Amino acid sequence: MTITLCFAPGTCARVPLIALEEIGTPFETKLIAFMRGEHRTPDFLSLNPAGKVPALILDDGVLTQNTAILHYLARRFPQARLLPTAADPLAEAQMLARLAWFSADLHPLVTRIRMPHFFCDLDGSPARVRELAETAMAFQLAGAERDLASAPWLLGDDWSILDAYLYWVWFRITGAGFDTAPFPAITDHARRMEERPAVQRALAREREAEQALAAQGSAVPLR
């Protein structure tokens, strides 16, 4: 089975990158240089018409959207224990809801914190967009902070791919100056994530990709 992950360093493609490192099955990566417009080329748009990463290329098709990619990897490689085994259809749907919370609720706020000018360019408005997004993000993260104050991982004692998704969200918003003081448990969670060998391997791949982009003059600041 051939697996190729289209990614760019610092993006949410880091989450399936970590998942693939946790699985341990050989895979390839394809670096997409946003500054060179590779995400808008016909070749890439044939994989993902939205022009975004990640895209997971498989022998029998292509998957886009982290919720779908992560759910597929978890069920295709159950030995990696990316997600708990669902006892029934409701439990499976609830797990999908947990994944969708990151993509539907948190990720849009990450974008508004990082790039508020993409959403309103009136004088002074980007600052207001960011302010509102930070308030909404603090509200959304309050539950995760409570969960992690009493358990090492979001689902309790066992790590899951949800932890990798939270780690990426935290990386992006703290890199933009989000106030970490109210979230000591999430801060500690991020530190422990970086102790995982799979995360270290994923970050090493990203550093290699950053060097390649820099050599092309196409690097994008991650923080």
Protein backbone atom coordinates (compact mmCIF):
# COMPACT_ATOMS: atom_id res chain seq x y z
CA MET A 1 0.00 0.00 0.00
CA THR A 2 1.39 3.37 -1.06
CA ILE A 3 0.55 6.42 1.06
CA THR A 4 1.57 9.97 0.16
CA LEU A 5 0.75 13.00 2.28
CA CYS A 6 0.65 16.38 0.57
CA PHE A 7 1.67 18.86 3.24
CA ALA A 8 3.34 22.15 4.09
CA PRO A 9 5.23 22.85 7.32
CA GLY A 10 3.24 24.50 10.09
CA THR A 11 -0.15 23.78 8.54
CA CYS A 12 -2.80 21.47 9.95
CA ALA A 13 -1.23 18.75 7.79
CA ARG A 14 1.02 18.31 10.81
CA VAL A 15 -1.81 16.33 12.43
CA PRO A 16 -1.98 13.50 9.86
CA LEU A 17 1.81 13.68 9.63
CA ILE A 18 1.97 12.82 13.33
CA ALA A 19 -0.67 10.13 12.82
CA LEU A 20 1.37 8.49 10.07
CA GLU A 21 4.49 8.59 12.24
CA GLU A 22 2.53 6.96 15.06
CA ILE A 23 1.29 4.23 12.72
CA GLY A 24 4.80 3.39 11.58
CA THR A 25 3.83 2.18 8.09
CA PRO A 26 6.16 3.58 5.40
CA PHE A 27 4.77 6.67 3.69
CA GLU A 28 5.92 9.46 1.43
CA THR A 29 5.40 13.20 1.64
CA LYS A 30 4.89 15.74 -1.12
CA LEU A 31 5.80 19.29 -0.17
CA ILE A 32 3.41 21.96 -1.48
CA ALA A 33 5.04 25.39 -1.78
CA PHE A 34 2.30 27.93 -1.13
CA MET A 35 4.52 30.92 -1.88
CA ARG A 36 5.10 29.51 -5.37
CA GLY A 37 1.39 28.92 -5.89
CA GLU A 38 1.66 25.14 -6.07
CA HIS A 39 -1.64 24.80 -4.20
CA ARG A 40 -3.38 26.47 -7.16
CA THR A 41 -1.87 24.41 -9.93
CA PRO A 42 -4.12 22.14 -12.00
CA ASP A 43 -2.23 19.08 -10.77
CA PHE A 44 -2.87 19.85 -7.13
CA LEU A 45 -6.42 21.06 -7.68
CA SER A 46 -7.16 17.70 -9.27
CA LEU A 47 -6.33 16.21 -5.87
CA ASN A 48 -8.06 18.84 -3.75
CA PRO A 49 -10.25 21.41 -5.53
CA ALA A 50 -10.16 23.55 -2.36
CA GLY A 51 -6.46 24.16 -2.93
CA LYS A 52 -5.50 23.26 0.62
CA VAL A 53 -3.40 20.73 2.49
CA PRO A 54 -3.53 18.05 3.69
CA ALA A 55 -4.39 15.65 0.93
CA LEU A 56 -3.76 11.95 1.41
CA ILE A 57 -3.06 10.02 -1.78
CA LEU A 58 -3.86 6.31 -1.57
CA ASP A 59 -3.70 3.48 -4.08
CA ASP A 60 -7.44 3.65 -4.62
CA GLY A 61 -8.24 7.32 -4.17
CA VAL A 62 -7.56 10.63 -2.46
CA LEU A 63 -8.78 11.88 0.90
CA THR A 64 -8.97 15.51 1.95
CA GLN A 65 -10.15 17.19 5.17
CA ASN A 66 -8.51 16.21 8.44
CA THR A 67 -11.67 14.74 9.93
CA ALA A 68 -11.93 12.23 7.08
CA ILE A 69 -8.18 11.55 6.87
CA LEU A 70 -7.74 10.96 10.59
CA HIS A 71 -10.84 8.79 10.87
CA TYR A 72 -9.69 6.70 7.92
CA LEU A 73 -6.19 6.22 9.33
CA ALA A 74 -7.57 5.30 12.74
CA ARG A 75 -9.85 2.61 11.33
CA ARG A 76 -7.44 1.41 8.63
CA PHE A 77 -4.62 0.94 11.17
CA PRO A 78 -6.35 0.04 14.44
CA GLN A 79 -3.12 -1.30 15.95
CA ALA A 80 -1.84 2.29 16.18
CA ARG A 81 -4.72 3.18 18.53
CA LEU A 82 -5.18 6.63 17.05
CA LEU A 83 -8.80 6.55 18.28
CA PRO A 84 -10.64 4.21 20.63
CA THR A 85 -12.68 1.42 19.11
CA ALA A 86 -16.33 2.47 18.99
CA ALA A 87 -18.81 0.19 20.74
CA ASP A 88 -21.76 1.18 18.55
CA PRO A 89 -22.79 3.66 15.83
CA LEU A 90 -23.54 6.39 18.37
CA ALA A 91 -20.09 6.10 19.93
CA GLU A 92 -18.56 6.26 16.45
CA ALA A 93 -20.55 9.38 15.62
CA GLN A 94 -19.52 10.97 18.92
CA MET A 95 -15.88 10.32 18.06
CA LEU A 96 -16.40 11.96 14.68
CA ALA A 97 -17.94 14.91 16.49
CA ARG A 98 -14.80 15.24 18.61
CA LEU A 99 -12.69 15.34 15.45
CA ALA A 100 -15.04 17.79 13.77
CA TRP A 101 -14.82 20.13 16.78
CA PHE A 102 -11.23 20.84 15.83
CA SER A 103 -11.88 21.40 12.13
CA ALA A 104 -15.22 23.20 12.41
CA ASP A 105 -14.88 25.21 15.63
CA LEU A 106 -11.20 25.66 16.48
CA HIS A 107 -9.52 25.84 13.08
CA PRO A 108 -11.55 28.84 11.83
CA LEU A 109 -10.59 30.69 15.01
CA VAL A 110 -6.93 29.82 14.47
CA THR A 111 -7.13 31.46 11.05
CA ARG A 112 -8.77 34.59 12.44
CA ILE A 113 -6.12 34.88 15.14
CA ARG A 114 -3.25 34.30 12.73
CA MET A 115 -4.57 36.15 9.67
CA PRO A 116 -7.40 38.50 10.68
CA HIS A 117 -6.81 40.71 7.64
CA PHE A 118 -8.15 37.89 5.45
CA PHE A 119 -11.60 38.44 6.97
CA CYS A 120 -11.93 42.22 7.08
CA ASP A 121 -9.60 44.90 5.73
CA LEU A 122 -11.34 48.02 6.98
CA ASP A 123 -9.20 50.35 9.08
CA GLY A 124 -8.72 48.85 12.52
CA SER A 125 -10.95 45.89 11.80
CA PRO A 126 -8.30 43.12 11.73
CA ALA A 127 -7.45 43.88 15.33
CA ARG A 128 -11.12 43.56 16.27
CA VAL A 129 -11.44 40.30 14.32
CA ARG A 130 -8.49 38.91 16.23
CA GLU A 131 -9.80 40.13 19.58
CA LEU A 132 -13.14 38.43 19.05
CA ALA A 133 -11.44 35.25 17.83
CA GLU A 134 -9.20 35.11 20.90
CA THR A 135 -12.23 35.46 23.17
CA ALA A 136 -14.02 32.68 21.31
CA MET A 137 -10.92 30.48 21.39
CA ALA A 138 -10.53 30.91 25.14
CA PHE A 139 -14.14 29.81 25.58
CA GLN A 140 -13.66 26.78 23.31
CA LEU A 141 -10.46 25.68 25.04
CA ALA A 142 -11.90 25.89 28.55
CA GLY A 143 -13.28 22.35 28.36
CA ALA A 144 -9.99 20.92 27.13
CA GLU A 145 -8.19 22.68 29.97
CA ARG A 146 -10.54 21.07 32.50
CA ASP A 147 -10.09 17.65 30.92
CA LEU A 148 -6.31 17.90 30.93
CA ALA A 149 -6.22 19.15 34.51
CA SER A 150 -7.43 15.72 35.65
CA ALA A 151 -5.97 13.38 33.00
CA PRO A 152 -2.85 13.29 30.83
CA TRP A 153 -4.68 13.19 27.50
CA LEU A 154 -7.96 14.47 26.11
CA LEU A 155 -9.63 11.06 26.28
CA GLY A 156 -8.18 10.18 29.67
CA ASP A 157 -5.19 7.92 30.24
CA ASP A 158 -4.70 6.99 26.59
CA TRP A 159 -3.20 9.22 23.93
CA SER A 160 -5.23 9.72 20.76
CA ILE A 161 -4.97 11.69 17.54
CA LEU A 162 -7.17 14.32 19.21
CA ASP A 163 -4.12 15.25 21.25
CA ALA A 164 -2.13 15.85 18.08
CA TYR A 165 -4.86 18.13 16.76
CA LEU A 166 -4.90 20.15 19.99
CA TYR A 167 -1.11 20.35 19.86
CA TRP A 168 -1.25 21.89 16.39
CA VAL A 169 -3.93 24.41 17.41
CA TRP A 170 -1.86 25.42 20.43
CA PHE A 171 1.29 25.76 18.33
CA ARG A 172 -0.44 28.08 15.89
CA ILE A 173 -2.15 30.37 18.36
CA THR A 174 0.71 30.66 20.84
CA GLY A 175 2.98 31.49 17.93
CA ALA A 176 0.66 34.44 17.29
CA GLY A 177 0.83 35.64 20.91
CA PHE A 178 -2.29 34.01 22.37
CA ASP A 179 -2.29 34.34 26.18
CA THR A 180 -1.21 31.00 27.67
CA ALA A 181 -1.57 31.99 31.33
CA PRO A 182 -5.15 30.68 31.79
CA PHE A 183 -4.22 27.31 30.28
CA PRO A 184 -1.43 25.63 32.29
CA ALA A 185 -2.73 22.13 31.60
CA ILE A 186 -2.76 22.66 27.82
CA THR A 187 0.71 24.21 28.04
CA ASP A 188 1.97 21.11 29.83
CA HIS A 189 0.14 18.92 27.32
CA ALA A 190 2.05 20.57 24.47
CA ARG A 191 5.34 19.96 26.27
CA ARG A 192 4.55 16.28 26.72
CA MET A 193 3.44 15.98 23.10
CA GLU A 194 6.89 17.11 22.02
CA GLU A 195 8.42 14.27 24.04
CA ARG A 196 6.69 11.67 21.88
CA PRO A 197 9.05 10.09 19.32
CA ALA A 198 6.41 10.26 16.56
CA VAL A 199 5.98 13.99 17.13
CA GLN A 200 9.73 14.50 17.07
CA ARG A 201 9.96 12.65 13.77
CA ALA A 202 7.11 14.72 12.31
CA LEU A 203 8.75 17.96 13.40
CA ALA A 204 12.04 16.81 11.88
CA ARG A 205 10.24 16.28 8.56
CA GLU A 206 8.81 19.78 8.83
CA ARG A 207 12.24 21.28 9.51
CA GLU A 208 13.60 19.51 6.45
CA ALA A 209 10.70 20.90 4.41
CA GLU A 210 11.32 24.41 5.76
CA GLN A 211 14.95 24.17 4.66
CA ALA A 212 13.87 23.08 1.20
CA LEU A 213 11.46 26.00 0.93
CA ALA A 214 14.09 28.44 2.17
CA ALA A 215 16.52 27.18 -0.48
CA GLN A 216 13.83 27.94 -3.08
CA GLY A 217 13.13 31.36 -1.60
CA SER A 218 9.62 30.16 -0.78
CA ALA A 219 9.68 29.93 3.00
CA VAL A 220 6.61 30.99 4.98
CA PRO A 221 7.16 32.29 8.56
CA LEU A 222 5.60 29.79 10.98
CA ARG A 223 5.47 32.09 14.00
